[in-house]
Amino acid sequence: DRRIFFDTGAKLSYLSDDLLVGNSIGEVDDFHPSIGDFKTKVYKIDVTINGKVESLTFGSLPSSIRYLLQLGRTEGVIGTELLNKYYVILSNLSKTLILEPLDEEESFD
């Protein structure tokens, strides 16, 4: 189990560099309000969600904002790619996030 932020404003997901395994599949442009535009190497990483293995795209955070993960004691950020595969139910009251898979014909890919 890993502690991960869910960021509905992030188009790309991010992991701590020690969790980015394998070879980079390329580079993409991204943006963070504190540093502006930047490029990041991206990786396809298999993650298990509710017992199902999903391949998601993760980037490597620039060192200038990597400390934000450390401050939050987290190992990553999940962005909106997850919304292409799952319904998300968020309860602030119970502090839970529930993921229900979309049916194949409902996918927004």
C-alpha atoms as a PDB file:
ATOM      1  CA  ASP A   1       0.000   0.000   0.000  1.00  0.00           C
ATOM      2  CA  ARG A   2       1.176   3.508  -0.848  1.00  0.00           C
ATOM      3  CA  ARG A   3       0.016   6.946   0.237  1.00  0.00           C
ATOM      4  CA  ILE A   4      -0.885   8.857  -2.948  1.00  0.00           C
ATOM      5  CA  PHE A   5      -2.563  12.228  -3.548  1.00  0.00           C
ATOM      6  CA  PHE A   6      -5.489  12.363  -6.004  1.00  0.00           C
ATOM      7  CA  ASP A   7      -5.235  15.640  -7.952  1.00  0.00           C
ATOM      8  CA  THR A   8      -8.175  16.386 -10.261  1.00  0.00           C
ATOM      9  CA  GLY A   9      -6.188  19.285 -11.723  1.00  0.00           C
ATOM     10  CA  ALA A  10      -3.233  17.133 -12.792  1.00  0.00           C
ATOM     11  CA  LYS A  11      -3.376  15.747 -16.313  1.00  0.00           C
ATOM     12  CA  LEU A  12      -0.387  13.515 -15.545  1.00  0.00           C
ATOM     13  CA  SER A  13       0.297  11.263 -12.570  1.00  0.00           C
ATOM     14  CA  TYR A  14       3.626  11.324 -10.726  1.00  0.00           C
ATOM     15  CA  LEU A  15       5.599   8.915  -8.559  1.00  0.00           C
ATOM     16  CA  SER A  16       8.694   9.212  -6.416  1.00  0.00           C
ATOM     17  CA  ASP A  17      11.723   8.518  -8.590  1.00  0.00           C
ATOM     18  CA  ASP A  18      12.545   5.329  -6.672  1.00  0.00           C
ATOM     19  CA  LEU A  19       9.192   3.878  -7.848  1.00  0.00           C
ATOM     20  CA  LEU A  20       9.711   4.736 -11.536  1.00  0.00           C
ATOM     21  CA  VAL A  21      10.976   1.433 -12.908  1.00  0.00           C
ATOM     22  CA  GLY A  22      11.925   0.484 -16.432  1.00  0.00           C
ATOM     23  CA  ASN A  23      12.778   2.735 -19.324  1.00  0.00           C
ATOM     24  CA  SER A  24      11.178   6.065 -20.043  1.00  0.00           C
ATOM     25  CA  ILE A  25       8.650   5.968 -22.911  1.00  0.00           C
ATOM     26  CA  GLY A  26       9.296   9.600 -23.782  1.00  0.00           C
ATOM     27  CA  GLU A  27       8.912  13.143 -22.542  1.00  0.00           C
ATOM     28  CA  VAL A  28       5.850  15.348 -22.136  1.00  0.00           C
ATOM     29  CA  ASP A  29       5.242  18.987 -21.310  1.00  0.00           C
ATOM     30  CA  ASP A  30       3.445  19.784 -18.074  1.00  0.00           C
ATOM     31  CA  PHE A  31       2.760  22.750 -15.821  1.00  0.00           C
ATOM     32  CA  HIS A  32       2.898  23.418 -12.091  1.00  0.00           C
ATOM     33  CA  PRO A  33       1.758  26.764 -10.642  1.00  0.00           C
ATOM     34  CA  SER A  34       4.899  27.215  -8.543  1.00  0.00           C
ATOM     35  CA  ILE A  35       7.433  26.700 -11.363  1.00  0.00           C
ATOM     36  CA  GLY A  36       5.478  27.111 -14.597  1.00  0.00           C
ATOM     37  CA  ASP A  37       6.044  24.935 -17.672  1.00  0.00           C
ATOM     38  CA  PHE A  38       8.459  21.999 -17.515  1.00  0.00           C
ATOM     39  CA  LYS A  39       9.314  18.752 -19.330  1.00  0.00           C
ATOM     40  CA  THR A  40       9.212  15.385 -17.622  1.00  0.00           C
ATOM     41  CA  LYS A  41      10.213  11.861 -18.575  1.00  0.00           C
ATOM     42  CA  VAL A  42       7.225   9.499 -18.498  1.00  0.00           C
ATOM     43  CA  TYR A  43       6.920   5.806 -17.688  1.00  0.00           C
ATOM     44  CA  LYS A  44       4.170   3.183 -18.040  1.00  0.00           C
ATOM     45  CA  ILE A  45       3.784   1.583 -14.618  1.00  0.00           C
ATOM     46  CA  ASP A  46       1.436  -1.239 -13.631  1.00  0.00           C
ATOM     47  CA  VAL A  47      -0.564  -0.453 -10.498  1.00  0.00           C
ATOM     48  CA  THR A  48      -3.153  -2.565  -8.718  1.00  0.00           C
ATOM     49  CA  ILE A  49      -6.514  -0.911  -8.067  1.00  0.00           C
ATOM     50  CA  ASN A  50      -9.205  -2.973  -6.347  1.00  0.00           C
ATOM     51  CA  GLY A  51      -7.366  -6.152  -7.311  1.00  0.00           C
ATOM     52  CA  LYS A  52      -7.167  -5.171 -11.002  1.00  0.00           C
ATOM     53  CA  VAL A  53      -3.847  -4.318 -12.662  1.00  0.00           C
ATOM     54  CA  GLU A  54      -3.929  -1.059 -14.621  1.00  0.00           C
ATOM     55  CA  SER A  55      -1.139   0.433 -16.703  1.00  0.00           C
ATOM     56  CA  LEU A  56      -0.926   4.168 -15.987  1.00  0.00           C
ATOM     57  CA  THR A  57       1.443   6.859 -17.227  1.00  0.00           C
ATOM     58  CA  PHE A  58       3.609   8.472 -14.560  1.00  0.00           C
ATOM     59  CA  GLY A  59       6.071  11.324 -14.749  1.00  0.00           C
ATOM     60  CA  SER A  60       9.078  12.292 -12.675  1.00  0.00           C
ATOM     61  CA  LEU A  61       8.601  15.503 -10.701  1.00  0.00           C
ATOM     62  CA  PRO A  62      11.256  18.191 -11.082  1.00  0.00           C
ATOM     63  CA  SER A  63      13.514  18.422  -8.039  1.00  0.00           C
ATOM     64  CA  SER A  64      12.257  21.941  -7.329  1.00  0.00           C
ATOM     65  CA  ILE A  65       8.789  20.601  -6.418  1.00  0.00           C
ATOM     66  CA  ARG A  66       9.637  17.041  -5.368  1.00  0.00           C
ATOM     67  CA  TYR A  67       9.761  18.234  -1.767  1.00  0.00           C
ATOM     68  CA  LEU A  68       5.960  18.725  -1.870  1.00  0.00           C
ATOM     69  CA  LEU A  69       5.541  14.945  -1.908  1.00  0.00           C
ATOM     70  CA  GLN A  70       7.924  14.606   1.003  1.00  0.00           C
ATOM     71  CA  LEU A  71       6.054  17.256   3.008  1.00  0.00           C
ATOM     72  CA  GLY A  72       2.801  15.372   2.457  1.00  0.00           C
ATOM     73  CA  ARG A  73       4.480  12.058   3.317  1.00  0.00           C
ATOM     74  CA  THR A  74       3.263  10.653   0.030  1.00  0.00           C
ATOM     75  CA  GLU A  75       4.900   8.731  -2.767  1.00  0.00           C
ATOM     76  CA  GLY A  76       2.935  10.085  -5.686  1.00  0.00           C
ATOM     77  CA  VAL A  77       0.101  11.965  -7.295  1.00  0.00           C
ATOM     78  CA  ILE A  78      -2.666  10.362  -9.340  1.00  0.00           C
ATOM     79  CA  GLY A  79      -4.001  12.646 -12.047  1.00  0.00           C
ATOM     80  CA  THR A  80      -7.040  12.613 -14.289  1.00  0.00           C
ATOM     81  CA  GLU A  81      -6.013   9.564 -16.351  1.00  0.00           C
ATOM     82  CA  LEU A  82      -7.779   7.555 -13.654  1.00  0.00           C
ATOM     83  CA  LEU A  83     -11.066   9.262 -14.603  1.00  0.00           C
ATOM     84  CA  ASN A  84     -10.870   7.595 -18.037  1.00  0.00           C
ATOM     85  CA  LYS A  85     -11.151   4.176 -16.386  1.00  0.00           C
ATOM     86  CA  TYR A  86     -13.094   4.643 -13.148  1.00  0.00           C
ATOM     87  CA  TYR A  87     -16.035   6.401 -11.605  1.00  0.00           C
ATOM     88  CA  VAL A  88     -14.692   8.271  -8.599  1.00  0.00           C
ATOM     89  CA  ILE A  89     -16.781   8.755  -5.479  1.00  0.00           C
ATOM     90  CA  LEU A  90     -15.155  11.092  -2.985  1.00  0.00           C
ATOM     91  CA  SER A  91     -16.480  11.524   0.535  1.00  0.00           C
ATOM     92  CA  ASN A  92     -14.857  14.322   2.477  1.00  0.00           C
ATOM     93  CA  LEU A  93     -16.932  13.431   5.543  1.00  0.00           C
ATOM     94  CA  SER A  94     -15.613   9.865   5.792  1.00  0.00           C
ATOM     95  CA  LYS A  95     -12.260  10.714   4.104  1.00  0.00           C
ATOM     96  CA  THR A  96     -12.666   7.941   1.551  1.00  0.00           C
ATOM     97  CA  LEU A  97     -12.211   7.650  -2.189  1.00  0.00           C
ATOM     98  CA  ILE A  98     -14.111   4.852  -3.919  1.00  0.00           C
ATOM     99  CA  LEU A  99     -13.193   3.696  -7.421  1.00  0.00           C
ATOM    100  CA  GLU A 100     -15.700   1.792  -9.552  1.00  0.00           C
ATOM    101  CA  PRO A 101     -14.562   0.571 -12.990  1.00  0.00           C
ATOM    102  CA  LEU A 102     -16.274   2.047 -16.034  1.00  0.00           C
ATOM    103  CA  ASP A 103     -17.800  -0.450 -18.429  1.00  0.00           C
ATOM    104  CA  GLU A 104     -15.695  -0.747 -21.600  1.00  0.00           C
ATOM    105  CA  GLU A 105     -18.295   1.084 -23.703  1.00  0.00           C
ATOM    106  CA  GLU A 106     -18.343   3.949 -21.166  1.00  0.00           C
ATOM    107  CA  SER A 107     -14.616   4.659 -21.299  1.00  0.00           C
ATOM    108  CA  PHE A 108     -13.625   8.180 -22.301  1.00  0.00           C
ATOM    109  CA  ASP A 109     -10.271   7.150 -23.853  1.00  0.00           C
END
